[in-house]
Amino acid sequence: MTFVKQIFFACLALCLVVLTNVQPAGAATYEVKMGTDKGQLAYEPKVLKIKVGDTVRWINNKAYPHNVVFKETDLSHPKLLQKPNQVVETTFNQPGEYDYYCTPHRGAGMVGKIIVE
């Protein structure tokens, strides 16, 4: 293999690595508290509007254990978080409305919605 071909393939490999690890321009991370600061069984905020490619980080705040369960199981974090400040994250790559809930506190109204535009 000639030197020029080696350089070409090395550059191509580098470009592929860079392109597969880049988030969309302007992608943001938003935080949702699991359990309000006052100890209520609720997500705070309850409804969050984001853009495609953004990430939501749920933080175990008060009145735990909590989890985050969507109808779409690949987005869910069904394991109960037992300690304060534990975190789970989901990146949303498709527009739509995503309803979710906390398994142990759903009956108490601990539900939320992510709107991806």
N, C-alpha and C. Protein backbone atom coordinates (compact mmCIF):
# COMPACT_ATOMS: atom_id res chain seq x y z
N MET A 1 0.85 -1.17 0.00
CA MET A 1 0.00 0.00 0.00
C MET A 1 0.90 1.24 0.00
N THR A 2 0.56 2.18 -0.85
CA THR A 2 1.38 3.38 -0.95
C THR A 2 1.14 4.28 0.25
N PHE A 3 2.08 5.17 0.45
CA PHE A 3 2.00 6.12 1.55
C PHE A 3 0.74 6.99 1.45
N VAL A 4 0.40 7.42 0.25
CA VAL A 4 -0.79 8.26 0.03
C VAL A 4 -2.05 7.51 0.44
N LYS A 5 -2.13 6.23 0.08
CA LYS A 5 -3.31 5.43 0.46
C LYS A 5 -3.37 5.26 1.97
N GLN A 6 -2.24 5.07 2.62
CA GLN A 6 -2.22 4.92 4.08
C GLN A 6 -2.73 6.20 4.75
N ILE A 7 -2.29 7.33 4.27
CA ILE A 7 -2.75 8.62 4.81
C ILE A 7 -4.24 8.78 4.57
N PHE A 8 -4.70 8.45 3.38
CA PHE A 8 -6.13 8.56 3.05
C PHE A 8 -6.97 7.72 4.01
N PHE A 9 -6.61 6.45 4.21
CA PHE A 9 -7.40 5.57 5.07
C PHE A 9 -7.32 5.98 6.53
N ALA A 10 -6.18 6.51 6.95
CA ALA A 10 -6.05 7.00 8.32
C ALA A 10 -6.98 8.20 8.54
N CYS A 11 -7.00 9.10 7.57
CA CYS A 11 -7.90 10.27 7.67
C CYS A 11 -9.36 9.85 7.64
N LEU A 12 -9.69 8.90 6.81
CA LEU A 12 -11.06 8.40 6.73
C LEU A 12 -11.48 7.77 8.06
N ALA A 13 -10.62 6.98 8.65
CA ALA A 13 -10.92 6.36 9.95
C ALA A 13 -11.11 7.42 11.02
N LEU A 14 -10.25 8.43 11.03
CA LEU A 14 -10.37 9.52 12.00
C LEU A 14 -11.68 10.27 11.83
N CYS A 15 -12.06 10.55 10.61
CA CYS A 15 -13.34 11.23 10.34
C CYS A 15 -14.52 10.40 10.84
N LEU A 16 -14.49 9.12 10.62
CA LEU A 16 -15.58 8.25 11.07
C LEU A 16 -15.69 8.24 12.59
N VAL A 17 -14.56 8.20 13.28
CA VAL A 17 -14.57 8.24 14.74
C VAL A 17 -15.16 9.55 15.24
N VAL A 18 -14.73 10.66 14.66
CA VAL A 18 -15.23 11.97 15.08
C VAL A 18 -16.72 12.09 14.80
N LEU A 19 -17.16 11.71 13.64
CA LEU A 19 -18.58 11.85 13.28
C LEU A 19 -19.50 10.97 14.12
N THR A 20 -19.06 9.83 14.57
CA THR A 20 -19.93 8.96 15.36
C THR A 20 -19.99 9.36 16.83
N ASN A 21 -19.12 10.27 17.26
CA ASN A 21 -19.11 10.69 18.66
C ASN A 21 -19.57 12.13 18.87
N VAL A 22 -20.13 12.75 17.85
CA VAL A 22 -20.56 14.14 17.95
C VAL A 22 -22.06 14.21 18.19
N GLN A 23 -22.46 14.99 19.21
CA GLN A 23 -23.88 15.24 19.42
C GLN A 23 -24.31 16.33 18.44
N PRO A 24 -25.63 16.41 18.16
CA PRO A 24 -26.10 17.47 17.27
C PRO A 24 -25.69 18.85 17.80
N ALA A 25 -25.46 19.78 16.88
CA ALA A 25 -25.07 21.12 17.28
C ALA A 25 -26.11 21.71 18.20
N GLY A 26 -25.66 22.26 19.29
CA GLY A 26 -26.56 22.91 20.22
C GLY A 26 -27.31 21.96 21.13
N ALA A 27 -26.95 20.67 21.16
CA ALA A 27 -27.63 19.72 22.04
C ALA A 27 -27.42 20.16 23.49
N ALA A 28 -28.48 20.04 24.28
CA ALA A 28 -28.44 20.48 25.67
C ALA A 28 -28.83 19.34 26.59
N THR A 29 -28.51 19.51 27.87
CA THR A 29 -28.91 18.56 28.90
C THR A 29 -29.80 19.30 29.89
N TYR A 30 -30.96 18.72 30.17
CA TYR A 30 -31.93 19.29 31.10
C TYR A 30 -32.05 18.40 32.32
N GLU A 31 -32.34 18.99 33.48
CA GLU A 31 -32.48 18.22 34.71
C GLU A 31 -33.93 18.19 35.18
N VAL A 32 -34.33 17.02 35.65
CA VAL A 32 -35.65 16.83 36.26
C VAL A 32 -35.41 16.21 37.62
N LYS A 33 -35.96 16.83 38.66
CA LYS A 33 -35.84 16.29 40.01
C LYS A 33 -36.88 15.20 40.20
N MET A 34 -36.47 14.12 40.84
CA MET A 34 -37.39 13.04 41.21
C MET A 34 -37.71 13.24 42.69
N GLY A 35 -38.91 13.77 42.94
CA GLY A 35 -39.29 14.22 44.27
C GLY A 35 -38.95 15.69 44.38
N THR A 36 -39.96 16.50 44.74
CA THR A 36 -39.74 17.95 44.80
C THR A 36 -38.92 18.30 46.03
N ASP A 37 -38.41 19.53 46.06
CA ASP A 37 -37.64 20.00 47.21
C ASP A 37 -38.46 19.96 48.50
N LYS A 38 -39.79 20.05 48.38
CA LYS A 38 -40.67 20.01 49.54
C LYS A 38 -41.06 18.58 49.91
N GLY A 39 -40.51 17.59 49.18
CA GLY A 39 -40.76 16.19 49.50
C GLY A 39 -42.01 15.61 48.87
N GLN A 40 -42.61 16.31 47.91
CA GLN A 40 -43.80 15.79 47.23
C GLN A 40 -43.40 14.72 46.23
N LEU A 41 -44.30 13.76 46.04
CA LEU A 41 -44.07 12.68 45.07
C LEU A 41 -44.44 13.19 43.68
N ALA A 42 -43.49 13.88 43.06
CA ALA A 42 -43.70 14.48 41.75
C ALA A 42 -42.35 14.67 41.07
N TYR A 43 -42.38 14.71 39.74
CA TYR A 43 -41.21 15.11 38.97
C TYR A 43 -41.26 16.63 38.87
N GLU A 44 -40.08 17.26 38.91
CA GLU A 44 -40.03 18.72 38.83
C GLU A 44 -38.97 19.14 37.83
N PRO A 45 -39.33 19.68 36.65
CA PRO A 45 -40.69 20.00 36.22
C PRO A 45 -41.45 18.76 35.75
N LYS A 46 -42.77 18.88 35.78
CA LYS A 46 -43.63 17.76 35.38
C LYS A 46 -43.63 17.58 33.87
N VAL A 47 -43.60 18.71 33.14
CA VAL A 47 -43.57 18.69 31.67
C VAL A 47 -42.33 19.47 31.23
N LEU A 48 -41.61 18.89 30.27
CA LEU A 48 -40.39 19.52 29.79
C LEU A 48 -40.38 19.49 28.27
N LYS A 49 -40.14 20.66 27.65
CA LYS A 49 -40.01 20.74 26.19
C LYS A 49 -38.54 20.83 25.84
N ILE A 50 -38.12 19.95 24.92
CA ILE A 50 -36.73 19.91 24.50
C ILE A 50 -36.67 19.75 22.98
N LYS A 51 -35.47 19.71 22.44
CA LYS A 51 -35.26 19.52 21.00
C LYS A 51 -34.66 18.14 20.75
N VAL A 52 -34.82 17.66 19.52
CA VAL A 52 -34.23 16.38 19.12
C VAL A 52 -32.72 16.43 19.40
N GLY A 53 -32.20 15.38 20.01
CA GLY A 53 -30.78 15.29 20.34
C GLY A 53 -30.44 15.74 21.75
N ASP A 54 -31.41 16.38 22.44
CA ASP A 54 -31.18 16.81 23.81
C ASP A 54 -31.27 15.62 24.76
N THR A 55 -30.68 15.79 25.94
CA THR A 55 -30.65 14.76 26.97
C THR A 55 -31.38 15.26 28.20
N VAL A 56 -32.10 14.35 28.84
CA VAL A 56 -32.75 14.65 30.12
C VAL A 56 -32.03 13.83 31.19
N ARG A 57 -31.66 14.51 32.26
CA ARG A 57 -31.01 13.88 33.41
C ARG A 57 -31.97 13.95 34.60
N TRP A 58 -32.40 12.79 35.08
CA TRP A 58 -33.26 12.72 36.26
C TRP A 58 -32.38 12.54 37.49
N ILE A 59 -32.63 13.35 38.51
CA ILE A 59 -31.83 13.33 39.73
C ILE A 59 -32.71 12.91 40.90
N ASN A 60 -32.30 11.88 41.61
CA ASN A 60 -33.02 11.41 42.79
C ASN A 60 -32.92 12.48 43.87
N ASN A 61 -34.04 13.09 44.23
CA ASN A 61 -34.02 14.26 45.08
C ASN A 61 -34.61 13.99 46.47
N LYS A 62 -35.90 13.68 46.54
CA LYS A 62 -36.57 13.48 47.84
C LYS A 62 -37.57 12.33 47.73
N ALA A 63 -37.94 11.78 48.89
CA ALA A 63 -39.00 10.76 49.01
C ALA A 63 -38.75 9.55 48.11
N TYR A 64 -37.49 9.16 47.96
CA TYR A 64 -37.17 8.01 47.12
C TYR A 64 -37.50 6.71 47.83
N PRO A 65 -37.51 5.58 47.10
CA PRO A 65 -36.88 5.30 45.82
C PRO A 65 -37.75 5.74 44.65
N HIS A 66 -37.09 6.05 43.53
CA HIS A 66 -37.78 6.46 42.31
C HIS A 66 -37.14 5.76 41.11
N ASN A 67 -37.89 5.77 40.02
CA ASN A 67 -37.37 5.32 38.73
C ASN A 67 -38.06 6.11 37.64
N VAL A 68 -37.71 5.82 36.39
CA VAL A 68 -38.28 6.51 35.23
C VAL A 68 -38.67 5.42 34.23
N VAL A 69 -39.99 5.28 34.00
CA VAL A 69 -40.47 4.21 33.12
C VAL A 69 -41.33 4.82 32.01
N PHE A 70 -40.95 4.52 30.77
CA PHE A 70 -41.69 4.92 29.57
C PHE A 70 -42.37 3.70 28.99
N LYS A 71 -43.38 3.92 28.16
CA LYS A 71 -43.96 2.81 27.40
C LYS A 71 -42.89 2.21 26.49
N GLU A 72 -42.03 3.07 25.96
CA GLU A 72 -40.92 2.64 25.11
C GLU A 72 -39.81 2.14 26.02
N THR A 73 -39.68 0.83 26.15
CA THR A 73 -38.78 0.26 27.15
C THR A 73 -37.32 0.63 26.95
N ASP A 74 -36.91 0.92 25.72
CA ASP A 74 -35.50 1.27 25.51
C ASP A 74 -35.15 2.64 26.08
N LEU A 75 -36.15 3.44 26.41
CA LEU A 75 -35.91 4.74 27.04
C LEU A 75 -35.95 4.66 28.56
N SER A 76 -36.51 3.59 29.10
CA SER A 76 -36.78 3.47 30.53
C SER A 76 -35.54 3.20 31.36
N HIS A 77 -35.66 3.57 32.63
CA HIS A 77 -34.68 3.26 33.67
C HIS A 77 -35.46 2.63 34.82
N PRO A 78 -35.81 1.33 34.71
CA PRO A 78 -36.70 0.70 35.68
C PRO A 78 -36.09 0.42 37.04
N LYS A 79 -34.76 0.40 37.13
CA LYS A 79 -34.11 0.13 38.42
C LYS A 79 -34.41 1.28 39.39
N LEU A 80 -34.82 0.91 40.61
CA LEU A 80 -35.11 1.93 41.62
C LEU A 80 -33.83 2.57 42.14
N LEU A 81 -33.82 3.90 42.14
CA LEU A 81 -32.70 4.64 42.70
C LEU A 81 -32.96 4.82 44.18
N GLN A 82 -32.04 4.36 45.01
CA GLN A 82 -32.24 4.30 46.45
C GLN A 82 -31.56 5.43 47.23
N LYS A 83 -30.61 6.12 46.60
CA LYS A 83 -29.81 7.10 47.33
C LYS A 83 -30.00 8.50 46.75
N PRO A 84 -29.78 9.52 47.59
CA PRO A 84 -29.91 10.89 47.08
C PRO A 84 -28.88 11.19 46.00
N ASN A 85 -29.29 11.99 45.06
CA ASN A 85 -28.44 12.49 43.97
C ASN A 85 -28.02 11.43 42.95
N GLN A 86 -28.59 10.23 43.01
CA GLN A 86 -28.34 9.27 41.93
C GLN A 86 -28.97 9.80 40.66
N VAL A 87 -28.37 9.48 39.52
CA VAL A 87 -28.76 10.07 38.25
C VAL A 87 -28.96 8.99 37.20
N VAL A 88 -29.99 9.18 36.34
CA VAL A 88 -30.15 8.42 35.11
C VAL A 88 -30.39 9.43 33.99
N GLU A 89 -30.00 9.07 32.77
CA GLU A 89 -30.12 9.98 31.63
C GLU A 89 -30.70 9.26 30.43
N THR A 90 -31.40 10.04 29.61
CA THR A 90 -31.89 9.56 28.32
C THR A 90 -31.71 10.66 27.30
N THR A 91 -31.20 10.30 26.12
CA THR A 91 -31.11 11.23 25.00
C THR A 91 -32.26 10.92 24.06
N PHE A 92 -32.98 11.96 23.63
CA PHE A 92 -34.15 11.81 22.79
C PHE A 92 -33.80 12.17 21.35
N ASN A 93 -33.85 11.17 20.47
CA ASN A 93 -33.44 11.35 19.08
C ASN A 93 -34.60 11.39 18.11
N GLN A 94 -35.82 11.30 18.60
CA GLN A 94 -37.01 11.35 17.75
C GLN A 94 -38.00 12.36 18.32
N PRO A 95 -38.63 13.18 17.47
CA PRO A 95 -39.65 14.09 17.98
C PRO A 95 -40.87 13.30 18.46
N GLY A 96 -41.61 13.90 19.38
CA GLY A 96 -42.83 13.27 19.88
C GLY A 96 -43.07 13.63 21.33
N GLU A 97 -44.13 13.05 21.88
CA GLU A 97 -44.46 13.24 23.29
C GLU A 97 -44.24 11.92 24.01
N TYR A 98 -43.50 11.97 25.10
CA TYR A 98 -43.11 10.78 25.83
C TYR A 98 -43.61 10.89 27.27
N ASP A 99 -44.63 10.12 27.60
CA ASP A 99 -45.15 10.07 28.96
C ASP A 99 -44.35 9.06 29.76
N TYR A 100 -44.09 9.39 31.02
CA TYR A 100 -43.35 8.46 31.88
C TYR A 100 -43.89 8.54 33.30
N TYR A 101 -43.45 7.59 34.13
CA TYR A 101 -43.93 7.53 35.51
C TYR A 101 -42.90 6.86 36.40
N CYS A 102 -43.12 7.01 37.70
CA CYS A 102 -42.33 6.33 38.72
C CYS A 102 -43.15 5.13 39.17
N THR A 103 -42.59 3.92 39.04
CA THR A 103 -43.35 2.71 39.34
C THR A 103 -43.95 2.71 40.75
N PRO A 104 -43.18 2.96 41.82
CA PRO A 104 -43.79 2.88 43.15
C PRO A 104 -44.74 4.03 43.48
N HIS A 105 -44.66 5.15 42.74
CA HIS A 105 -45.46 6.32 43.10
C HIS A 105 -46.42 6.78 42.01
N ARG A 106 -46.61 5.93 41.02
CA ARG A 106 -47.53 6.29 39.92
C ARG A 106 -48.94 6.55 40.45
N GLY A 107 -49.40 5.71 41.37
CA GLY A 107 -50.73 5.88 41.95
C GLY A 107 -50.88 7.18 42.73
N ALA A 108 -49.77 7.73 43.20
CA ALA A 108 -49.79 9.00 43.92
C ALA A 108 -49.69 10.18 42.95
N GLY A 109 -49.60 9.88 41.65
CA GLY A 109 -49.57 10.95 40.64
C GLY A 109 -48.18 11.34 40.18
N MET A 110 -47.18 10.52 40.46
CA MET A 110 -45.83 10.86 40.02
C MET A 110 -45.65 10.44 38.57
N VAL A 111 -46.06 11.35 37.70
CA VAL A 111 -46.00 11.15 36.25
C VAL A 111 -45.38 12.39 35.62
N GLY A 112 -44.82 12.23 34.43
CA GLY A 112 -44.24 13.35 33.73
C GLY A 112 -44.35 13.18 32.24
N LYS A 113 -43.92 14.23 31.53
CA LYS A 113 -43.98 14.19 30.06
C LYS A 113 -42.80 14.97 29.51
N ILE A 114 -42.18 14.37 28.49
CA ILE A 114 -41.13 15.04 27.72
C ILE A 114 -41.70 15.29 26.33
N ILE A 115 -41.66 16.54 25.89
CA ILE A 115 -42.12 16.92 24.55
C ILE A 115 -40.86 17.25 23.75
N VAL A 116 -40.63 16.46 22.69
CA VAL A 116 -39.43 16.64 21.87
C VAL A 116 -39.87 17.25 20.54
N GLU A 117 -39.36 18.44 20.26
CA GLU A 117 -39.72 19.18 19.04
C GLU A 117 -38.63 19.08 18.01
